[in-house]
Amino acid sequence: MTDYEPGQRVRHPQRPDWGMGQVQSVTGTRVTVNFENAGKVLINAALVVLEVVEP
């Protein structure tokens, strides 16, 4: 279980070049994020802690 919710804005701490991302879906520890410069990426939230960007 993760604390991410669809619609949240996030950044990948190791990939700042991907730009801002928006959470599309969350299934267990699998988080699909649509990044500005990288498109849709499946993130394993057990391995990567995404930075939540407050609105």
C-alpha atoms as a PDB file:
ATOM      1  CA  MET A   1       0.000   0.000   0.000  1.00  0.00           C
ATOM      2  CA  THR A   2       1.266   3.481  -0.833  1.00  0.00           C
ATOM      3  CA  ASP A   3       0.248   7.015   0.063  1.00  0.00           C
ATOM      4  CA  TYR A   4      -0.030   8.127  -3.568  1.00  0.00           C
ATOM      5  CA  GLU A   5      -3.376   8.981  -5.149  1.00  0.00           C
ATOM      6  CA  PRO A   6      -4.372   9.519  -8.788  1.00  0.00           C
ATOM      7  CA  GLY A   7      -4.106  13.184  -9.729  1.00  0.00           C
ATOM      8  CA  GLN A   8      -1.225  13.961  -7.362  1.00  0.00           C
ATOM      9  CA  ARG A   9       1.739  15.881  -8.774  1.00  0.00           C
ATOM     10  CA  VAL A  10       5.104  14.218  -8.137  1.00  0.00           C
ATOM     11  CA  ARG A  11       8.775  14.313  -9.100  1.00  0.00           C
ATOM     12  CA  HIS A  12      11.223  11.412  -9.382  1.00  0.00           C
ATOM     13  CA  PRO A  13      14.160  12.289  -7.088  1.00  0.00           C
ATOM     14  CA  GLN A  14      16.785  10.526  -9.259  1.00  0.00           C
ATOM     15  CA  ARG A  15      15.366  11.745 -12.604  1.00  0.00           C
ATOM     16  CA  PRO A  16      14.761  15.517 -12.442  1.00  0.00           C
ATOM     17  CA  ASP A  17      15.063  15.586 -16.254  1.00  0.00           C
ATOM     18  CA  TRP A  18      11.693  13.773 -16.445  1.00  0.00           C
ATOM     19  CA  GLY A  19      10.016  16.920 -15.112  1.00  0.00           C
ATOM     20  CA  MET A  20       6.763  17.081 -13.191  1.00  0.00           C
ATOM     21  CA  GLY A  21       4.594  13.984 -13.188  1.00  0.00           C
ATOM     22  CA  GLN A  22       0.962  13.245 -12.432  1.00  0.00           C
ATOM     23  CA  VAL A  23      -0.060   9.971 -10.785  1.00  0.00           C
ATOM     24  CA  GLN A  24      -2.373   8.065 -13.143  1.00  0.00           C
ATOM     25  CA  SER A  25      -3.047   4.917 -11.117  1.00  0.00           C
ATOM     26  CA  VAL A  26      -1.921   3.051  -8.007  1.00  0.00           C
ATOM     27  CA  THR A  27      -2.007  -0.737  -7.630  1.00  0.00           C
ATOM     28  CA  GLY A  28      -0.252  -1.930  -4.491  1.00  0.00           C
ATOM     29  CA  THR A  29       3.321  -0.633  -4.784  1.00  0.00           C
ATOM     30  CA  ARG A  30       2.990  -0.050  -8.550  1.00  0.00           C
ATOM     31  CA  VAL A  31       2.420   3.606  -9.405  1.00  0.00           C
ATOM     32  CA  THR A  32       1.877   4.741 -12.986  1.00  0.00           C
ATOM     33  CA  VAL A  33       3.023   8.323 -13.486  1.00  0.00           C
ATOM     34  CA  ASN A  34       2.738  10.483 -16.603  1.00  0.00           C
ATOM     35  CA  PHE A  35       5.872  12.668 -16.690  1.00  0.00           C
ATOM     36  CA  GLU A  36       6.216  15.838 -18.794  1.00  0.00           C
ATOM     37  CA  ASN A  37       9.408  14.713 -20.530  1.00  0.00           C
ATOM     38  CA  ALA A  38       9.317  10.915 -20.170  1.00  0.00           C
ATOM     39  CA  GLY A  39       5.686   9.965 -20.746  1.00  0.00           C
ATOM     40  CA  LYS A  40       4.020   7.213 -18.755  1.00  0.00           C
ATOM     41  CA  VAL A  41       6.364   5.337 -16.433  1.00  0.00           C
ATOM     42  CA  LEU A  42       5.579   2.461 -14.061  1.00  0.00           C
ATOM     43  CA  ILE A  43       7.291   3.118 -10.718  1.00  0.00           C
ATOM     44  CA  ASN A  44       7.853   0.528  -7.996  1.00  0.00           C
ATOM     45  CA  ALA A  45       7.059   2.598  -4.889  1.00  0.00           C
ATOM     46  CA  ALA A  46       8.791  -0.012  -2.725  1.00  0.00           C
ATOM     47  CA  LEU A  47      12.084   1.039  -4.344  1.00  0.00           C
ATOM     48  CA  VAL A  48      11.551   4.717  -5.246  1.00  0.00           C
ATOM     49  CA  VAL A  49      10.089   7.394  -2.977  1.00  0.00           C
ATOM     50  CA  LEU A  50       8.483   9.979  -5.237  1.00  0.00           C
ATOM     51  CA  GLU A  51       8.494  13.582  -4.067  1.00  0.00           C
ATOM     52  CA  VAL A  52       4.929  14.860  -3.745  1.00  0.00           C
ATOM     53  CA  VAL A  53       4.584  18.422  -5.022  1.00  0.00           C
ATOM     54  CA  GLU A  54       1.939  20.393  -3.151  1.00  0.00           C
ATOM     55  CA  PRO A  55      -0.503  22.392  -5.290  1.00  0.00           C
END
